[in-house]
Amino acid sequence: MKTSIKIAQKSIAVLSITVMLFSCSNNTQEVRDFLASKNLPIGVAKNAFHVYKDSGRITSKLMTPLLHDFSNRKQHPYNEFPDGIKIVNFEGKDSVTITGNYALTYSKTSVSEIIGNVIVLNHTEQSRLQTEQLFWDQNTEYFFSEKAFILSTVKDTVYGVGFECKEDLSKHLAKKAIGKLITSEK
C-alpha cells in the first residue's frame, strides 16, 4: 500500500511539473516588449568583430569588447558600445580608423555618437582628428562636433571648438579655430 501511495505522489508531482512547463508560453514579441519595458538589451555580445561588405568587397570592420543590442525599441532602436569601439573603413587600404571609449549607433537614422578620447586617423593622408565627442552621419559620410578638437595634418595643426568634415577628414570646416595654417591662393 505504501508503494502505491509513493507512486501516486510521484505521478502527481511529475504531472504538476509537466503542466507548469507546458502552460508557460512566451512569444518572441512578448519577450521583446518585456525587455524594452525594463530597458534591457535584447542581446549582448562580447569581443564582437563584425565585417561589413558591399558587393562582395569588405568596406569596414567593427571591433568592440562589449555590444548591447537595443533593436527592440520601436521608436529609436540602437546599439550601445559601453566599453569602446574601433572601426576601420576601407578605400583600398585601411584608410580611416575611428576609435572611442563609448558609442551609440541609431539604426533608423544611421547616426552614431562616439564619446571619450575619440581619435580618427586617415592613414592615406596622414591626418588625425582628436576630440571628446563626435557625431557621425554614415549616410552622408560626415563628421561633426561642437566640442574642442585638434586636427593634425602633415603641414598643419588646428585647434578649435566645433567642426564639420567629410569622413576622410578632408574638406573640413573649423569653428573658433586657432593655429598655423599653410594656404595657397587659387
Protein backbone atom coordinates (compact mmCIF):
# COMPACT_ATOMS: atom_id res chain seq x y z
CA MET A 1 0.00 0.00 0.00
CA LYS A 2 2.82 2.38 0.86
CA THR A 3 4.41 1.83 -2.55
CA SER A 4 1.17 2.69 -4.37
CA ILE A 5 0.89 5.93 -2.35
CA LYS A 6 4.51 6.81 -3.19
CA ILE A 7 3.89 6.04 -6.88
CA ALA A 8 0.73 8.20 -6.82
CA GLN A 9 2.60 11.07 -5.16
CA LYS A 10 5.43 10.88 -7.70
CA SER A 11 2.93 10.72 -10.57
CA ILE A 12 1.11 13.79 -9.27
CA ALA A 13 4.40 15.66 -8.88
CA VAL A 14 5.53 14.78 -12.43
CA LEU A 15 2.09 15.69 -13.83
CA SER A 16 2.12 19.05 -12.00
CA ILE A 17 5.59 19.93 -13.26
CA THR A 18 4.66 18.92 -16.81
CA VAL A 19 1.52 21.07 -16.73
CA MET A 20 3.51 24.03 -15.38
CA LEU A 21 6.15 23.73 -18.10
CA PHE A 22 3.65 23.50 -20.93
CA SER A 23 1.47 26.29 -19.54
CA CYS A 24 4.35 28.78 -19.77
CA SER A 25 4.44 30.19 -23.26
CA ASN A 26 6.00 33.44 -24.38
CA ASN A 27 6.05 34.50 -27.96
CA THR A 28 9.01 36.45 -29.23
CA GLN A 29 7.19 39.79 -29.30
CA GLU A 30 6.13 39.45 -25.64
CA VAL A 31 9.75 38.83 -24.64
CA ARG A 32 10.95 41.83 -26.69
CA ASP A 33 8.29 44.08 -25.17
CA PHE A 34 9.22 42.91 -21.66
CA LEU A 35 12.92 43.60 -22.25
CA ALA A 36 12.13 47.02 -23.74
CA SER A 37 9.90 47.96 -20.79
CA LYS A 38 12.71 47.09 -18.37
CA ASN A 39 15.30 48.93 -20.55
CA LEU A 40 17.22 45.70 -21.07
CA PRO A 41 19.06 44.82 -24.28
CA ILE A 42 17.66 42.11 -26.50
CA GLY A 43 21.18 40.76 -26.97
CA VAL A 44 24.71 41.14 -25.62
CA ALA A 45 27.90 40.27 -27.48
CA LYS A 46 31.39 40.12 -26.00
CA ASN A 47 34.52 40.67 -28.10
CA ALA A 48 32.42 41.35 -31.19
CA PHE A 49 34.09 41.55 -34.60
CA HIS A 50 31.80 42.50 -37.47
CA VAL A 51 32.77 42.81 -41.14
CA TYR A 52 30.65 44.94 -43.47
CA LYS A 53 30.59 44.04 -47.16
CA ASP A 54 29.25 45.76 -50.24
CA SER A 55 29.06 43.75 -53.49
CA GLY A 56 31.38 41.12 -52.03
CA ARG A 57 34.04 43.69 -51.10
CA ILE A 58 34.89 44.42 -47.46
CA THR A 59 34.08 48.08 -46.76
CA SER A 60 34.65 48.25 -43.00
CA LYS A 61 35.34 46.30 -39.82
CA LEU A 62 33.95 46.97 -36.35
CA MET A 63 35.61 45.66 -33.18
CA THR A 64 34.31 46.09 -29.64
CA PRO A 65 34.77 44.35 -26.29
CA LEU A 66 31.03 44.68 -25.49
CA LEU A 67 27.92 45.31 -27.59
CA HIS A 68 24.39 45.82 -26.24
CA ASP A 69 21.64 45.38 -28.85
CA PHE A 70 18.58 47.54 -28.17
CA SER A 71 16.96 46.90 -31.57
CA ASN A 72 13.73 46.01 -29.74
CA ARG A 73 12.93 49.71 -29.28
CA LYS A 74 10.06 50.74 -31.54
CA GLN A 75 10.79 54.47 -31.66
CA HIS A 76 14.59 54.59 -31.62
CA PRO A 77 16.37 51.23 -31.95
CA TYR A 78 20.08 51.45 -31.23
CA ASN A 79 23.28 49.59 -30.36
CA GLU A 80 25.42 50.58 -27.39
CA PHE A 81 29.18 50.02 -27.11
CA PRO A 82 29.87 50.77 -23.41
CA ASP A 83 33.50 49.59 -23.39
CA GLY A 84 34.68 51.33 -26.54
CA ILE A 85 34.72 50.81 -30.27
CA LYS A 86 37.15 50.61 -33.16
CA ILE A 87 36.01 50.96 -36.76
CA VAL A 88 38.26 50.59 -39.79
CA ASN A 89 36.85 51.88 -43.10
CA PHE A 90 38.46 50.79 -46.33
CA GLU A 91 39.09 52.74 -49.50
CA GLY A 92 41.75 50.48 -50.92
CA LYS A 93 43.90 50.00 -47.80
CA ASP A 94 42.72 50.68 -44.25
CA SER A 95 42.25 54.35 -44.98
CA VAL A 96 40.29 55.60 -41.93
CA THR A 97 40.27 54.27 -38.36
CA ILE A 98 37.83 55.57 -35.73
CA THR A 99 38.23 54.78 -32.02
CA GLY A 100 36.44 55.95 -28.88
CA ASN A 101 35.68 54.94 -25.30
CA TYR A 102 31.87 54.73 -25.70
CA ALA A 103 29.47 54.77 -28.64
CA LEU A 104 25.80 54.69 -29.58
CA THR A 105 24.56 53.85 -33.07
CA TYR A 106 20.95 54.59 -34.05
CA SER A 107 19.81 52.22 -36.78
CA LYS A 108 16.88 54.28 -38.14
CA THR A 109 18.96 57.40 -38.76
CA SER A 110 22.40 55.79 -39.25
CA VAL A 111 23.88 58.42 -36.94
CA SER A 112 26.45 57.39 -34.35
CA GLU A 113 27.72 59.26 -31.33
CA ILE A 114 31.23 58.42 -30.16
CA ILE A 115 32.34 59.75 -26.78
CA GLY A 116 35.60 59.86 -24.83
CA ASN A 117 39.08 60.05 -26.33
CA VAL A 118 37.76 59.94 -29.89
CA ILE A 119 40.51 59.60 -32.49
CA VAL A 120 40.04 59.49 -36.26
CA LEU A 121 43.09 58.60 -38.34
CA ASN A 122 43.29 58.94 -42.11
CA HIS A 123 46.20 56.64 -42.88
CA THR A 124 46.41 57.62 -46.55
CA GLU A 125 46.59 61.40 -45.96
CA GLN A 126 48.36 61.06 -42.59
CA SER A 127 45.84 63.29 -40.82
CA ARG A 128 44.44 62.90 -37.32
CA LEU A 129 41.40 64.28 -35.52
CA GLN A 130 41.13 64.16 -31.74
CA THR A 131 38.07 65.23 -29.73
CA GLU A 132 35.89 64.16 -26.79
CA GLN A 133 32.64 63.79 -28.74
CA LEU A 134 31.94 63.04 -32.37
CA PHE A 135 28.73 62.58 -34.31
CA TRP A 136 28.97 60.52 -37.49
CA ASP A 137 26.28 60.52 -40.16
CA GLN A 138 27.01 57.31 -42.02
CA ASN A 139 24.56 58.09 -44.85
CA THR A 140 26.33 61.32 -45.80
CA GLU A 141 29.76 60.10 -44.59
CA TYR A 142 30.14 63.24 -42.49
CA PHE A 143 31.57 64.02 -39.01
CA PHE A 144 30.55 66.92 -36.78
CA SER A 145 31.08 68.07 -33.21
CA GLU A 146 30.67 71.13 -31.00
CA LYS A 147 33.45 70.04 -28.63
CA ALA A 148 37.12 71.06 -28.57
CA PHE A 149 39.25 69.36 -31.20
CA ILE A 150 42.77 69.01 -32.58
CA LEU A 151 43.14 68.36 -36.30
CA SER A 152 46.67 67.48 -37.38
CA THR A 153 47.86 67.08 -40.96
CA VAL A 154 51.34 66.69 -42.42
CA LYS A 155 51.65 70.51 -42.73
CA ASP A 156 49.22 71.97 -40.14
CA THR A 157 47.77 71.60 -36.67
CA VAL A 158 44.43 73.28 -35.99
CA TYR A 159 42.94 73.72 -32.52
CA GLY A 160 39.37 74.80 -32.05
CA VAL A 161 35.89 74.24 -30.72
CA GLY A 162 33.34 72.86 -33.16
CA PHE A 163 33.97 71.45 -36.61
CA GLU A 164 32.49 69.58 -39.55
CA CYS A 165 34.28 67.43 -42.09
CA LYS A 166 33.99 64.57 -44.52
CA GLU A 167 34.58 61.06 -43.22
CA ASP A 168 38.14 61.05 -44.59
CA LEU A 169 38.92 64.33 -42.72
CA SER A 170 39.01 66.32 -45.95
CA LYS A 171 37.03 69.48 -46.66
CA HIS A 172 36.73 70.46 -43.03
CA LEU A 173 35.02 73.50 -41.55
CA ALA A 174 36.61 74.56 -38.27
CA LYS A 175 34.75 76.85 -35.89
CA LYS A 176 36.58 79.00 -33.33
CA ALA A 177 39.90 77.76 -34.69
CA ILE A 178 43.47 78.78 -33.86
CA GLY A 179 46.76 77.51 -35.21
CA LYS A 180 49.22 77.97 -38.03
CA LEU A 181 47.88 77.11 -41.45
CA ILE A 182 49.66 76.92 -44.78
CA THR A 183 47.35 78.15 -47.51
CA SER A 184 47.67 78.72 -51.21
CA GLU A 185 45.77 81.08 -53.48
CA LYS A 186 43.92 79.62 -56.40
